[in-house]
mmCIF file of all heavy atoms, coordinates in Angstrom:
data_MODEL
# 
_entry.id   MODEL 
# 
loop_
_atom_site.group_PDB 
_atom_site.id 
_atom_site.type_symbol 
_atom_site.label_atom_id 
_atom_site.label_alt_id 
_atom_site.label_comp_id 
_atom_site.label_asym_id 
_atom_site.label_entity_id 
_atom_site.label_seq_id 
_atom_site.pdbx_PDB_ins_code 
_atom_site.Cartn_x 
_atom_site.Cartn_y 
_atom_site.Cartn_z 
_atom_site.occupancy 
_atom_site.B_iso_or_equiv 
_atom_site.pdbx_formal_charge 
_atom_site.auth_seq_id 
_atom_site.auth_comp_id 
_atom_site.auth_asym_id 
_atom_site.auth_atom_id 
_atom_site.pdbx_PDB_model_num 
ATOM 1   N N   . PHE A 1 1  ? -10.853 14.243  2.706  1.00 0.00 ? 1  PHE A N   1 
ATOM 2   C CA  . PHE A 1 1  ? -11.367 12.891  2.504  1.00 0.00 ? 1  PHE A CA  1 
ATOM 3   C C   . PHE A 1 1  ? -10.657 12.204  1.344  1.00 0.00 ? 1  PHE A C   1 
ATOM 4   O O   . PHE A 1 1  ? -10.403 10.993  1.404  1.00 0.00 ? 1  PHE A O   1 
ATOM 5   C CB  . PHE A 1 1  ? -12.873 12.913  2.255  1.00 0.00 ? 1  PHE A CB  1 
ATOM 6   C CG  . PHE A 1 1  ? -13.696 12.991  3.517  1.00 0.00 ? 1  PHE A CG  1 
ATOM 7   C CD1 . PHE A 1 1  ? -14.574 14.037  3.742  1.00 0.00 ? 1  PHE A CD1 1 
ATOM 8   C CD2 . PHE A 1 1  ? -13.584 12.016  4.489  1.00 0.00 ? 1  PHE A CD2 1 
ATOM 9   C CE1 . PHE A 1 1  ? -15.326 14.115  4.899  1.00 0.00 ? 1  PHE A CE1 1 
ATOM 10  C CE2 . PHE A 1 1  ? -14.332 12.076  5.662  1.00 0.00 ? 1  PHE A CE2 1 
ATOM 11  C CZ  . PHE A 1 1  ? -15.201 13.137  5.867  1.00 0.00 ? 1  PHE A CZ  1 
ATOM 12  N N   . ALA A 1 2  ? -10.343 12.959  0.279  1.00 0.00 ? 2  ALA A N   1 
ATOM 13  C CA  . ALA A 1 2  ? -9.613  12.384  -0.855 1.00 0.00 ? 2  ALA A CA  1 
ATOM 14  C C   . ALA A 1 2  ? -8.251  11.877  -0.401 1.00 0.00 ? 2  ALA A C   1 
ATOM 15  O O   . ALA A 1 2  ? -7.805  10.790  -0.813 1.00 0.00 ? 2  ALA A O   1 
ATOM 16  C CB  . ALA A 1 2  ? -9.449  13.422  -1.961 1.00 0.00 ? 2  ALA A CB  1 
ATOM 17  N N   . CYS A 1 3  ? -7.588  12.642  0.472  1.00 0.00 ? 3  CYS A N   1 
ATOM 18  C CA  . CYS A 1 3  ? -6.286  12.225  1.001  1.00 0.00 ? 3  CYS A CA  1 
ATOM 19  C C   . CYS A 1 3  ? -6.419  10.998  1.899  1.00 0.00 ? 3  CYS A C   1 
ATOM 20  O O   . CYS A 1 3  ? -5.662  10.030  1.776  1.00 0.00 ? 3  CYS A O   1 
ATOM 21  C CB  . CYS A 1 3  ? -5.635  13.369  1.788  1.00 0.00 ? 3  CYS A CB  1 
ATOM 22  S SG  . CYS A 1 3  ? -5.157  14.783  0.782  1.00 0.00 ? 3  CYS A SG  1 
ATOM 23  N N   . ILE A 1 4  ? -7.409  11.032  2.793  1.00 0.00 ? 4  ILE A N   1 
ATOM 24  C CA  . ILE A 1 4  ? -7.597  9.931   3.747  1.00 0.00 ? 4  ILE A CA  1 
ATOM 25  C C   . ILE A 1 4  ? -7.985  8.634   3.049  1.00 0.00 ? 4  ILE A C   1 
ATOM 26  O O   . ILE A 1 4  ? -7.541  7.544   3.441  1.00 0.00 ? 4  ILE A O   1 
ATOM 27  C CB  . ILE A 1 4  ? -8.670  10.310  4.798  1.00 0.00 ? 4  ILE A CB  1 
ATOM 28  C CG1 . ILE A 1 4  ? -8.161  11.445  5.699  1.00 0.00 ? 4  ILE A CG1 1 
ATOM 29  C CG2 . ILE A 1 4  ? -9.050  9.103   5.661  1.00 0.00 ? 4  ILE A CG2 1 
ATOM 30  C CD1 . ILE A 1 4  ? -9.205  11.992  6.640  1.00 0.00 ? 4  ILE A CD1 1 
ATOM 31  N N   . PHE A 1 5  ? -8.804  8.749   2.004  1.00 0.00 ? 5  PHE A N   1 
ATOM 32  C CA  . PHE A 1 5  ? -9.329  7.543   1.371  1.00 0.00 ? 5  PHE A CA  1 
ATOM 33  C C   . PHE A 1 5  ? -8.545  7.100   0.141  1.00 0.00 ? 5  PHE A C   1 
ATOM 34  O O   . PHE A 1 5  ? -8.962  6.161   -0.537 1.00 0.00 ? 5  PHE A O   1 
ATOM 35  C CB  . PHE A 1 5  ? -10.809 7.736   1.010  1.00 0.00 ? 5  PHE A CB  1 
ATOM 36  C CG  . PHE A 1 5  ? -11.723 7.496   2.174  1.00 0.00 ? 5  PHE A CG  1 
ATOM 37  C CD1 . PHE A 1 5  ? -11.928 8.476   3.121  1.00 0.00 ? 5  PHE A CD1 1 
ATOM 38  C CD2 . PHE A 1 5  ? -12.346 6.274   2.348  1.00 0.00 ? 5  PHE A CD2 1 
ATOM 39  C CE1 . PHE A 1 5  ? -12.756 8.259   4.207  1.00 0.00 ? 5  PHE A CE1 1 
ATOM 40  C CE2 . PHE A 1 5  ? -13.167 6.043   3.434  1.00 0.00 ? 5  PHE A CE2 1 
ATOM 41  C CZ  . PHE A 1 5  ? -13.372 7.033   4.373  1.00 0.00 ? 5  PHE A CZ  1 
ATOM 42  N N   . THR A 1 6  ? -7.430  7.745   -0.154 1.00 0.00 ? 6  THR A N   1 
ATOM 43  C CA  . THR A 1 6  ? -6.577  7.274   -1.246 1.00 0.00 ? 6  THR A CA  1 
ATOM 44  C C   . THR A 1 6  ? -5.153  6.993   -0.766 1.00 0.00 ? 6  THR A C   1 
ATOM 45  O O   . THR A 1 6  ? -4.623  5.910   -1.015 1.00 0.00 ? 6  THR A O   1 
ATOM 46  C CB  . THR A 1 6  ? -6.531  8.289   -2.409 1.00 0.00 ? 6  THR A CB  1 
ATOM 47  O OG1 . THR A 1 6  ? -6.161  9.581   -1.904 1.00 0.00 ? 6  THR A OG1 1 
ATOM 48  C CG2 . THR A 1 6  ? -7.867  8.366   -3.118 1.00 0.00 ? 6  THR A CG2 1 
ATOM 49  N N   . LEU A 1 7  ? -4.553  7.941   -0.048 1.00 0.00 ? 7  LEU A N   1 
ATOM 50  C CA  . LEU A 1 7  ? -3.149  7.763   0.339  1.00 0.00 ? 7  LEU A CA  1 
ATOM 51  C C   . LEU A 1 7  ? -2.913  6.605   1.318  1.00 0.00 ? 7  LEU A C   1 
ATOM 52  O O   . LEU A 1 7  ? -2.071  5.740   1.042  1.00 0.00 ? 7  LEU A O   1 
ATOM 53  C CB  . LEU A 1 7  ? -2.597  9.072   0.907  1.00 0.00 ? 7  LEU A CB  1 
ATOM 54  C CG  . LEU A 1 7  ? -2.276  10.155  -0.129 1.00 0.00 ? 7  LEU A CG  1 
ATOM 55  C CD1 . LEU A 1 7  ? -1.807  11.436  0.557  1.00 0.00 ? 7  LEU A CD1 1 
ATOM 56  C CD2 . LEU A 1 7  ? -1.220  9.678   -1.109 1.00 0.00 ? 7  LEU A CD2 1 
ATOM 57  N N   . PRO A 1 8  ? -3.626  6.520   2.479  1.00 0.00 ? 8  PRO A N   1 
ATOM 58  C CA  . PRO A 1 8  ? -3.363  5.393   3.380  1.00 0.00 ? 8  PRO A CA  1 
ATOM 59  C C   . PRO A 1 8  ? -3.612  4.013   2.744  1.00 0.00 ? 8  PRO A C   1 
ATOM 60  O O   . PRO A 1 8  ? -2.740  3.134   2.869  1.00 0.00 ? 8  PRO A O   1 
ATOM 61  C CB  . PRO A 1 8  ? -4.325  5.651   4.559  1.00 0.00 ? 8  PRO A CB  1 
ATOM 62  C CG  . PRO A 1 8  ? -4.547  7.122   4.539  1.00 0.00 ? 8  PRO A CG  1 
ATOM 63  C CD  . PRO A 1 8  ? -4.562  7.487   3.087  1.00 0.00 ? 8  PRO A CD  1 
ATOM 64  N N   . PRO A 1 9  ? -4.756  3.788   2.065  1.00 0.00 ? 9  PRO A N   1 
ATOM 65  C CA  . PRO A 1 9  ? -4.930  2.482   1.420  1.00 0.00 ? 9  PRO A CA  1 
ATOM 66  C C   . PRO A 1 9  ? -3.875  2.207   0.350  1.00 0.00 ? 9  PRO A C   1 
ATOM 67  O O   . PRO A 1 9  ? -3.409  1.076   0.205  1.00 0.00 ? 9  PRO A O   1 
ATOM 68  C CB  . PRO A 1 9  ? -6.327  2.578   0.786  1.00 0.00 ? 9  PRO A CB  1 
ATOM 69  C CG  . PRO A 1 9  ? -7.011  3.672   1.488  1.00 0.00 ? 9  PRO A CG  1 
ATOM 70  C CD  . PRO A 1 9  ? -5.948  4.635   1.887  1.00 0.00 ? 9  PRO A CD  1 
ATOM 71  N N   . PHE A 1 10 ? -3.512  3.259   -0.399 1.00 0.00 ? 10 PHE A N   1 
ATOM 72  C CA  . PHE A 1 10 ? -2.501  3.096   -1.446 1.00 0.00 ? 10 PHE A CA  1 
ATOM 73  C C   . PHE A 1 10 ? -1.149  2.730   -0.835 1.00 0.00 ? 10 PHE A C   1 
ATOM 74  O O   . PHE A 1 10 ? -0.458  1.824   -1.331 1.00 0.00 ? 10 PHE A O   1 
ATOM 75  C CB  . PHE A 1 10 ? -2.387  4.387   -2.255 1.00 0.00 ? 10 PHE A CB  1 
ATOM 76  C CG  . PHE A 1 10 ? -1.419  4.309   -3.400 1.00 0.00 ? 10 PHE A CG  1 
ATOM 77  C CD1 . PHE A 1 10 ? -1.577  3.348   -4.395 1.00 0.00 ? 10 PHE A CD1 1 
ATOM 78  C CD2 . PHE A 1 10 ? -0.358  5.187   -3.486 1.00 0.00 ? 10 PHE A CD2 1 
ATOM 79  C CE1 . PHE A 1 10 ? -0.696  3.266   -5.461 1.00 0.00 ? 10 PHE A CE1 1 
ATOM 80  C CE2 . PHE A 1 10 ? 0.542   5.117   -4.542 1.00 0.00 ? 10 PHE A CE2 1 
ATOM 81  C CZ  . PHE A 1 10 ? 0.373   4.153   -5.531 1.00 0.00 ? 10 PHE A CZ  1 
ATOM 82  N N   . LEU A 1 11 ? -0.773  3.407   0.257  1.00 0.00 ? 11 LEU A N   1 
ATOM 83  C CA  . LEU A 1 11 ? 0.491   3.101   0.924  1.00 0.00 ? 11 LEU A CA  1 
ATOM 84  C C   . LEU A 1 11 ? 0.470   1.706   1.544  1.00 0.00 ? 11 LEU A C   1 
ATOM 85  O O   . LEU A 1 11 ? 1.479   0.988   1.516  1.00 0.00 ? 11 LEU A O   1 
ATOM 86  C CB  . LEU A 1 11 ? 0.781   4.154   2.002  1.00 0.00 ? 11 LEU A CB  1 
ATOM 87  C CG  . LEU A 1 11 ? 1.091   5.557   1.487  1.00 0.00 ? 11 LEU A CG  1 
ATOM 88  C CD1 . LEU A 1 11 ? 1.223   6.542   2.656  1.00 0.00 ? 11 LEU A CD1 1 
ATOM 89  C CD2 . LEU A 1 11 ? 2.365   5.563   0.648  1.00 0.00 ? 11 LEU A CD2 1 
ATOM 90  N N   . LEU A 1 12 ? -0.677  1.313   2.103  1.00 0.00 ? 12 LEU A N   1 
ATOM 91  C CA  . LEU A 1 12 ? -0.818  -0.036  2.654  1.00 0.00 ? 12 LEU A CA  1 
ATOM 92  C C   . LEU A 1 12 ? -0.659  -1.082  1.556  1.00 0.00 ? 12 LEU A C   1 
ATOM 93  O O   . LEU A 1 12 ? -0.007  -2.112  1.741  1.00 0.00 ? 12 LEU A O   1 
ATOM 94  C CB  . LEU A 1 12 ? -2.185  -0.190  3.333  1.00 0.00 ? 12 LEU A CB  1 
ATOM 95  C CG  . LEU A 1 12 ? -2.522  -1.577  3.891  1.00 0.00 ? 12 LEU A CG  1 
ATOM 96  C CD1 . LEU A 1 12 ? -1.508  -1.991  4.949  1.00 0.00 ? 12 LEU A CD1 1 
ATOM 97  C CD2 . LEU A 1 12 ? -3.931  -1.593  4.478  1.00 0.00 ? 12 LEU A CD2 1 
ATOM 98  N N   . THR A 1 13 ? -1.244  -0.792  0.393  1.00 0.00 ? 13 THR A N   1 
ATOM 99  C CA  . THR A 1 13 ? -1.139  -1.707  -0.744 1.00 0.00 ? 13 THR A CA  1 
ATOM 100 C C   . THR A 1 13 ? 0.307   -1.814  -1.220 1.00 0.00 ? 13 THR A C   1 
ATOM 101 O O   . THR A 1 13 ? 0.806   -2.917  -1.482 1.00 0.00 ? 13 THR A O   1 
ATOM 102 C CB  . THR A 1 13 ? -2.040  -1.224  -1.901 1.00 0.00 ? 13 THR A CB  1 
ATOM 103 O OG1 . THR A 1 13 ? -3.389  -1.148  -1.431 1.00 0.00 ? 13 THR A OG1 1 
ATOM 104 C CG2 . THR A 1 13 ? -1.979  -2.179  -3.079 1.00 0.00 ? 13 THR A CG2 1 
ATOM 105 N N   . LEU A 1 14 ? 0.989   -0.667  -1.340 1.00 0.00 ? 14 LEU A N   1 
ATOM 106 C CA  . LEU A 1 14 ? 2.393   -0.683  -1.764 1.00 0.00 ? 14 LEU A CA  1 
ATOM 107 C C   . LEU A 1 14 ? 3.254   -1.456  -0.772 1.00 0.00 ? 14 LEU A C   1 
ATOM 108 O O   . LEU A 1 14 ? 4.139   -2.232  -1.169 1.00 0.00 ? 14 LEU A O   1 
ATOM 109 C CB  . LEU A 1 14 ? 2.913   0.748   -1.895 1.00 0.00 ? 14 LEU A CB  1 
ATOM 110 C CG  . LEU A 1 14 ? 2.415   1.567   -3.088 1.00 0.00 ? 14 LEU A CG  1 
ATOM 111 C CD1 . LEU A 1 14 ? 3.056   2.957   -3.076 1.00 0.00 ? 14 LEU A CD1 1 
ATOM 112 C CD2 . LEU A 1 14 ? 2.738   0.862   -4.406 1.00 0.00 ? 14 LEU A CD2 1 
ATOM 113 N N   . THR A 1 15 ? 2.995   -1.266  0.531  1.00 0.00 ? 15 THR A N   1 
ATOM 114 C CA  . THR A 1 15 ? 3.748   -1.981  1.562  1.00 0.00 ? 15 THR A CA  1 
ATOM 115 C C   . THR A 1 15 ? 3.522   -3.482  1.453  1.00 0.00 ? 15 THR A C   1 
ATOM 116 O O   . THR A 1 15 ? 4.473   -4.280  1.527  1.00 0.00 ? 15 THR A O   1 
ATOM 117 C CB  . THR A 1 15 ? 3.341   -1.493  2.964  1.00 0.00 ? 15 THR A CB  1 
ATOM 118 O OG1 . THR A 1 15 ? 3.531   -0.080  3.054  1.00 0.00 ? 15 THR A OG1 1 
ATOM 119 C CG2 . THR A 1 15 ? 4.154   -2.189  4.042  1.00 0.00 ? 15 THR A CG2 1 
ATOM 120 N N   . SER A 1 16 ? 2.256   -3.875  1.258  1.00 0.00 ? 16 SER A N   1 
ATOM 121 C CA  . SER A 1 16 ? 1.924   -5.301  1.120  1.00 0.00 ? 16 SER A CA  1 
ATOM 122 C C   . SER A 1 16 ? 2.663   -5.910  -0.059 1.00 0.00 ? 16 SER A C   1 
ATOM 123 O O   . SER A 1 16 ? 3.244   -7.006  0.041  1.00 0.00 ? 16 SER A O   1 
ATOM 124 C CB  . SER A 1 16 ? 0.412   -5.480  0.935  1.00 0.00 ? 16 SER A CB  1 
ATOM 125 O OG  . SER A 1 16 ? -0.296  -5.039  2.069  1.00 0.00 ? 16 SER A OG  1 
ATOM 126 N N   . TYR A 1 17 ? 2.682   -5.193  -1.182 1.00 0.00 ? 17 TYR A N   1 
ATOM 127 C CA  . TYR A 1 17 ? 3.324   -5.733  -2.374 1.00 0.00 ? 17 TYR A CA  1 
ATOM 128 C C   . TYR A 1 17 ? 4.846   -5.690  -2.281 1.00 0.00 ? 17 TYR A C   1 
ATOM 129 O O   . TYR A 1 17 ? 5.527   -6.503  -2.914 1.00 0.00 ? 17 TYR A O   1 
ATOM 130 C CB  . TYR A 1 17 ? 2.822   -5.017  -3.622 1.00 0.00 ? 17 TYR A CB  1 
ATOM 131 C CG  . TYR A 1 17 ? 1.540   -5.637  -4.097 1.00 0.00 ? 17 TYR A CG  1 
ATOM 132 C CD1 . TYR A 1 17 ? 0.312   -5.057  -3.810 1.00 0.00 ? 17 TYR A CD1 1 
ATOM 133 C CD2 . TYR A 1 17 ? 1.544   -6.849  -4.779 1.00 0.00 ? 17 TYR A CD2 1 
ATOM 134 C CE1 . TYR A 1 17 ? -0.869  -5.652  -4.204 1.00 0.00 ? 17 TYR A CE1 1 
ATOM 135 C CE2 . TYR A 1 17 ? 0.379   -7.456  -5.177 1.00 0.00 ? 17 TYR A CE2 1 
ATOM 136 C CZ  . TYR A 1 17 ? -0.831  -6.854  -4.888 1.00 0.00 ? 17 TYR A CZ  1 
ATOM 137 O OH  . TYR A 1 17 ? -2.002  -7.446  -5.270 1.00 0.00 ? 17 TYR A OH  1 
ATOM 138 N N   . ALA A 1 18 ? 5.381   -4.774  -1.509 1.00 0.00 ? 18 ALA A N   1 
ATOM 139 C CA  . ALA A 1 18 ? 6.829   -4.773  -1.276 1.00 0.00 ? 18 ALA A CA  1 
ATOM 140 C C   . ALA A 1 18 ? 7.234   -6.060  -0.551 1.00 0.00 ? 18 ALA A C   1 
ATOM 141 O O   . ALA A 1 18 ? 8.229   -6.715  -0.918 1.00 0.00 ? 18 ALA A O   1 
ATOM 142 C CB  . ALA A 1 18 ? 7.231   -3.545  -0.465 1.00 0.00 ? 18 ALA A CB  1 
ATOM 143 N N   . PHE A 1 19 ? 6.454   -6.451  0.469  1.00 0.00 ? 19 PHE A N   1 
ATOM 144 C CA  . PHE A 1 19 ? 6.717   -7.695  1.188  1.00 0.00 ? 19 PHE A CA  1 
ATOM 145 C C   . PHE A 1 19 ? 6.474   -8.914  0.294  1.00 0.00 ? 19 PHE A C   1 
ATOM 146 O O   . PHE A 1 19 ? 7.211   -9.899  0.364  1.00 0.00 ? 19 PHE A O   1 
ATOM 147 C CB  . PHE A 1 19 ? 5.843   -7.780  2.442  1.00 0.00 ? 19 PHE A CB  1 
ATOM 148 C CG  . PHE A 1 19 ? 6.328   -6.949  3.592  1.00 0.00 ? 19 PHE A CG  1 
ATOM 149 C CD1 . PHE A 1 19 ? 5.634   -5.828  4.014  1.00 0.00 ? 19 PHE A CD1 1 
ATOM 150 C CD2 . PHE A 1 19 ? 7.498   -7.290  4.267  1.00 0.00 ? 19 PHE A CD2 1 
ATOM 151 C CE1 . PHE A 1 19 ? 6.087   -5.051  5.067  1.00 0.00 ? 19 PHE A CE1 1 
ATOM 152 C CE2 . PHE A 1 19 ? 7.963   -6.518  5.333  1.00 0.00 ? 19 PHE A CE2 1 
ATOM 153 C CZ  . PHE A 1 19 ? 7.263   -5.402  5.732  1.00 0.00 ? 19 PHE A CZ  1 
ATOM 154 N N   . ILE A 1 20 ? 5.431   -8.835  -0.532 1.00 0.00 ? 20 ILE A N   1 
ATOM 155 C CA  . ILE A 1 20 ? 5.127   -9.947  -1.444 1.00 0.00 ? 20 ILE A CA  1 
ATOM 156 C C   . ILE A 1 20 ? 6.274   -10.171 -2.423 1.00 0.00 ? 20 ILE A C   1 
ATOM 157 O O   . ILE A 1 20 ? 6.726   -11.306 -2.636 1.00 0.00 ? 20 ILE A O   1 
ATOM 158 C CB  . ILE A 1 20 ? 3.810   -9.671  -2.212 1.00 0.00 ? 20 ILE A CB  1 
ATOM 159 C CG1 . ILE A 1 20 ? 2.613   -9.798  -1.266 1.00 0.00 ? 20 ILE A CG1 1 
ATOM 160 C CG2 . ILE A 1 20 ? 3.655   -10.646 -3.378 1.00 0.00 ? 20 ILE A CG2 1 
ATOM 161 C CD1 . ILE A 1 20 ? 1.301   -9.339  -1.873 1.00 0.00 ? 20 ILE A CD1 1 
ATOM 162 N N   . ILE A 1 21 ? 6.773   -9.092  -3.028 1.00 0.00 ? 21 ILE A N   1 
ATOM 163 C CA  . ILE A 1 21 ? 7.866   -9.203  -3.996 1.00 0.00 ? 21 ILE A CA  1 
ATOM 164 C C   . ILE A 1 21 ? 9.132   -9.743  -3.325 1.00 0.00 ? 21 ILE A C   1 
ATOM 165 O O   . ILE A 1 21 ? 9.836   -10.596 -3.876 1.00 0.00 ? 21 ILE A O   1 
ATOM 166 C CB  . ILE A 1 21 ? 8.135   -7.836  -4.666 1.00 0.00 ? 21 ILE A CB  1 
ATOM 167 C CG1 . ILE A 1 21 ? 6.952   -7.459  -5.570 1.00 0.00 ? 21 ILE A CG1 1 
ATOM 168 C CG2 . ILE A 1 21 ? 9.428   -7.866  -5.484 1.00 0.00 ? 21 ILE A CG2 1 
ATOM 169 C CD1 . ILE A 1 21 ? 6.984   -6.043  -6.077 1.00 0.00 ? 21 ILE A CD1 1 
ATOM 170 N N   . ALA A 1 22 ? 9.393   -9.257  -2.110 1.00 0.00 ? 22 ALA A N   1 
ATOM 171 C CA  . ALA A 1 22 ? 10.566  -9.751  -1.373 1.00 0.00 ? 22 ALA A CA  1 
ATOM 172 C C   . ALA A 1 22 ? 10.449  -11.249 -1.107 1.00 0.00 ? 22 ALA A C   1 
ATOM 173 O O   . ALA A 1 22 ? 11.439  -11.996 -1.221 1.00 0.00 ? 22 ALA A O   1 
ATOM 174 C CB  . ALA A 1 22 ? 10.706  -8.987  -0.054 1.00 0.00 ? 22 ALA A CB  1 
ATOM 175 N N   . THR A 1 23 ? 9.240   -11.701 -0.773 1.00 0.00 ? 23 THR A N   1 
ATOM 176 C CA  . THR A 1 23 ? 9.017   -13.136 -0.515 1.00 0.00 ? 23 THR A CA  1 
ATOM 177 C C   . THR A 1 23 ? 9.164   -13.938 -1.798 1.00 0.00 ? 23 THR A C   1 
ATOM 178 O O   . THR A 1 23 ? 9.782   -15.019 -1.804 1.00 0.00 ? 23 THR A O   1 
ATOM 179 C CB  . THR A 1 23 ? 7.606   -13.356 0.076  1.00 0.00 ? 23 THR A CB  1 
ATOM 180 O OG1 . THR A 1 23 ? 7.473   -12.597 1.273  1.00 0.00 ? 23 THR A OG1 1 
ATOM 181 C CG2 . THR A 1 23 ? 7.368   -14.829 0.384  1.00 0.00 ? 23 THR A CG2 1 
ATOM 182 N N   . ILE A 1 24 ? 8.615   -13.432 -2.890 1.00 0.00 ? 24 ILE A N   1 
ATOM 183 C CA  . ILE A 1 24 ? 8.666   -14.139 -4.177 1.00 0.00 ? 24 ILE A CA  1 
ATOM 184 C C   . ILE A 1 24 ? 10.107  -14.306 -4.646 1.00 0.00 ? 24 ILE A C   1 
ATOM 185 O O   . ILE A 1 24 ? 10.492  -15.360 -5.175 1.00 0.00 ? 24 ILE A O   1 
ATOM 186 C CB  . ILE A 1 24 ? 7.828   -13.389 -5.236 1.00 0.00 ? 24 ILE A CB  1 
ATOM 187 C CG1 . ILE A 1 24 ? 6.335   -13.508 -4.905 1.00 0.00 ? 24 ILE A CG1 1 
ATOM 188 C CG2 . ILE A 1 24 ? 8.087   -13.947 -6.636 1.00 0.00 ? 24 ILE A CG2 1 
ATOM 189 C CD1 . ILE A 1 24 ? 5.437   -12.676 -5.796 1.00 0.00 ? 24 ILE A CD1 1 
# 
């Protein structure tokens, strides 16, 4: 549960911010 509830959201967040930084 620690893996499921930290890694996927964290990776989704990193992906979102990678696109945000590229756009900025």
